[in-house]
Amino acid sequence: MAASVACAFFFDAEPVGEPGRHALDACALCAKPLARDRDVFMYRGDTPFCSEDCRHEQMRLDDRHAARRQQRYSSGTAESRRGQREVRKVSMSIAS
């Protein structure tokens, strides 16, 4: 009997940081409520979507975000190389 109470408690628990909202209650993109008798489309393991369209839209947004981040990183490294001083080895003789 104690095991069934523990299981019920585990499955009724709310996600951390979102009181009053269970993890699979709404689409992560459009916030449309997810029906228990309909398919739920998952992305990145634990993110639910109401349709393939919403899931693909999120994938497209993630790709654009990653491309912008990569572009920013690439241009940032080129700019930092341009800003560095050029170092040359120079021989000096000291006259006494």
C-alpha atoms as a PDB file:
ATOM      1  CA  MET A   1       0.000   0.000   0.000  1.00  0.00           C
ATOM      2  CA  ALA A   2       2.822   2.406   0.766  1.00  0.00           C
ATOM      3  CA  ALA A   3       4.339   1.802  -2.682  1.00  0.00           C
ATOM      4  CA  SER A   4       1.138   2.846  -4.459  1.00  0.00           C
ATOM      5  CA  VAL A   5       0.996   6.065  -2.440  1.00  0.00           C
ATOM      6  CA  ALA A   6       4.608   6.820  -3.372  1.00  0.00           C
ATOM      7  CA  CYS A   7       3.881   6.195  -7.077  1.00  0.00           C
ATOM      8  CA  ALA A   8       0.803   8.401  -6.991  1.00  0.00           C
ATOM      9  CA  PHE A   9       2.824  11.159  -5.353  1.00  0.00           C
ATOM     10  CA  PHE A  10       5.585  10.876  -7.966  1.00  0.00           C
ATOM     11  CA  PHE A  11       3.245  11.162 -10.950  1.00  0.00           C
ATOM     12  CA  ASP A  12       1.186  13.972  -9.428  1.00  0.00           C
ATOM     13  CA  ALA A  13       4.233  16.111  -8.716  1.00  0.00           C
ATOM     14  CA  GLU A  14       4.495  19.449 -10.492  1.00  0.00           C
ATOM     15  CA  PRO A  15       7.591  20.405 -12.498  1.00  0.00           C
ATOM     16  CA  VAL A  16      10.046  22.599 -10.611  1.00  0.00           C
ATOM     17  CA  GLY A  17       9.579  26.288 -11.370  1.00  0.00           C
ATOM     18  CA  GLU A  18       6.102  25.929 -12.902  1.00  0.00           C
ATOM     19  CA  PRO A  19       3.580  25.529 -10.088  1.00  0.00           C
ATOM     20  CA  GLY A  20       0.116  24.451 -11.187  1.00  0.00           C
ATOM     21  CA  ARG A  21       1.249  23.251 -14.608  1.00  0.00           C
ATOM     22  CA  HIS A  22       2.136  19.693 -15.522  1.00  0.00           C
ATOM     23  CA  ALA A  23       4.847  19.030 -18.092  1.00  0.00           C
ATOM     24  CA  LEU A  24       2.540  17.671 -20.831  1.00  0.00           C
ATOM     25  CA  ASP A  25      -0.450  19.991 -20.435  1.00  0.00           C
ATOM     26  CA  ALA A  26       0.258  22.438 -23.269  1.00  0.00           C
ATOM     27  CA  CYS A  27       2.201  22.835 -26.499  1.00  0.00           C
ATOM     28  CA  ALA A  28       5.591  24.425 -25.866  1.00  0.00           C
ATOM     29  CA  LEU A  29       5.212  26.716 -28.902  1.00  0.00           C
ATOM     30  CA  CYS A  30       1.583  27.815 -29.148  1.00  0.00           C
ATOM     31  CA  ALA A  31       0.441  26.904 -25.598  1.00  0.00           C
ATOM     32  CA  LYS A  32      -2.568  25.007 -26.965  1.00  0.00           C
ATOM     33  CA  PRO A  33      -3.797  22.486 -24.372  1.00  0.00           C
ATOM     34  CA  LEU A  34      -2.752  18.931 -25.175  1.00  0.00           C
ATOM     35  CA  ALA A  35      -5.576  16.396 -25.237  1.00  0.00           C
ATOM     36  CA  ARG A  36      -4.944  13.097 -23.466  1.00  0.00           C
ATOM     37  CA  ASP A  37      -6.519  11.159 -26.366  1.00  0.00           C
ATOM     38  CA  ARG A  38      -4.372  12.782 -29.108  1.00  0.00           C
ATOM     39  CA  ASP A  39      -0.778  12.315 -30.203  1.00  0.00           C
ATOM     40  CA  VAL A  40       1.853  14.461 -28.542  1.00  0.00           C
ATOM     41  CA  PHE A  41       4.864  15.334 -30.693  1.00  0.00           C
ATOM     42  CA  MET A  42       8.091  15.462 -28.698  1.00  0.00           C
ATOM     43  CA  TYR A  43      11.325  17.317 -29.447  1.00  0.00           C
ATOM     44  CA  ARG A  44      14.630  17.247 -27.599  1.00  0.00           C
ATOM     45  CA  GLY A  45      13.420  14.555 -25.272  1.00  0.00           C
ATOM     46  CA  ASP A  46      10.962  16.371 -23.042  1.00  0.00           C
ATOM     47  CA  THR A  47       9.391  19.254 -24.963  1.00  0.00           C
ATOM     48  CA  PRO A  48       5.785  18.547 -26.073  1.00  0.00           C
ATOM     49  CA  PHE A  49       4.059  19.976 -29.149  1.00  0.00           C
ATOM     50  CA  CYS A  50       0.448  19.720 -30.299  1.00  0.00           C
ATOM     51  CA  SER A  51       1.298  19.053 -33.945  1.00  0.00           C
ATOM     52  CA  GLU A  52       4.119  18.259 -36.312  1.00  0.00           C
ATOM     53  CA  ASP A  53       3.844  21.838 -37.601  1.00  0.00           C
ATOM     54  CA  CYS A  54       4.564  23.327 -34.167  1.00  0.00           C
ATOM     55  CA  ARG A  55       7.435  20.901 -33.621  1.00  0.00           C
ATOM     56  CA  HIS A  56       8.971  21.726 -37.023  1.00  0.00           C
ATOM     57  CA  GLU A  57       8.560  25.453 -36.383  1.00  0.00           C
ATOM     58  CA  GLN A  58      10.482  25.086 -33.101  1.00  0.00           C
ATOM     59  CA  MET A  59      13.189  23.115 -34.909  1.00  0.00           C
ATOM     60  CA  ARG A  60      13.437  25.872 -37.533  1.00  0.00           C
ATOM     61  CA  LEU A  61      13.700  28.543 -34.824  1.00  0.00           C
ATOM     62  CA  ASP A  62      16.404  26.549 -33.032  1.00  0.00           C
ATOM     63  CA  ASP A  63      18.360  26.166 -36.290  1.00  0.00           C
ATOM     64  CA  ARG A  64      18.184  29.917 -36.954  1.00  0.00           C
ATOM     65  CA  HIS A  65      19.290  30.659 -33.397  1.00  0.00           C
ATOM     66  CA  ALA A  66      22.217  28.240 -33.684  1.00  0.00           C
ATOM     67  CA  ALA A  67      23.247  29.717 -37.048  1.00  0.00           C
ATOM     68  CA  ARG A  68      23.201  33.260 -35.600  1.00  0.00           C
ATOM     69  CA  ARG A  69      25.219  32.133 -32.597  1.00  0.00           C
ATOM     70  CA  GLN A  70      27.756  30.402 -34.882  1.00  0.00           C
ATOM     71  CA  GLN A  71      27.977  33.494 -37.094  1.00  0.00           C
ATOM     72  CA  ARG A  72      28.492  35.726 -34.051  1.00  0.00           C
ATOM     73  CA  TYR A  73      31.189  33.380 -32.736  1.00  0.00           C
ATOM     74  CA  SER A  74      32.958  33.218 -36.106  1.00  0.00           C
ATOM     75  CA  SER A  75      32.942  36.986 -36.628  1.00  0.00           C
ATOM     76  CA  GLY A  76      33.981  37.550 -33.010  1.00  0.00           C
ATOM     77  CA  THR A  77      37.096  35.436 -33.362  1.00  0.00           C
ATOM     78  CA  ALA A  78      38.063  37.181 -36.615  1.00  0.00           C
ATOM     79  CA  GLU A  79      37.611  40.589 -34.979  1.00  0.00           C
ATOM     80  CA  SER A  80      39.685  39.596 -31.982  1.00  0.00           C
ATOM     81  CA  ARG A  81      42.500  38.472 -34.291  1.00  0.00           C
ATOM     82  CA  ARG A  82      42.384  41.807 -36.138  1.00  0.00           C
ATOM     83  CA  GLY A  83      42.642  43.710 -32.855  1.00  0.00           C
ATOM     84  CA  GLN A  84      45.787  41.920 -31.711  1.00  0.00           C
ATOM     85  CA  ARG A  85      49.142  43.586 -32.109  1.00  0.00           C
ATOM     86  CA  GLU A  86      51.602  42.107 -34.509  1.00  0.00           C
ATOM     87  CA  VAL A  87      54.654  40.796 -32.699  1.00  0.00           C
ATOM     88  CA  ARG A  88      58.047  40.862 -34.433  1.00  0.00           C
ATOM     89  CA  LYS A  89      61.360  39.601 -33.248  1.00  0.00           C
ATOM     90  CA  VAL A  90      63.987  42.346 -33.435  1.00  0.00           C
ATOM     91  CA  SER A  91      67.701  41.964 -32.873  1.00  0.00           C
ATOM     92  CA  MET A  92      69.378  44.734 -30.940  1.00  0.00           C
ATOM     93  CA  SER A  93      73.053  45.362 -30.371  1.00  0.00           C
ATOM     94  CA  ILE A  94      74.160  47.301 -27.374  1.00  0.00           C
ATOM     95  CA  ALA A  95      77.183  49.594 -27.940  1.00  0.00           C
ATOM     96  CA  SER A  96      79.535  50.020 -25.033  1.00  0.00           C
END
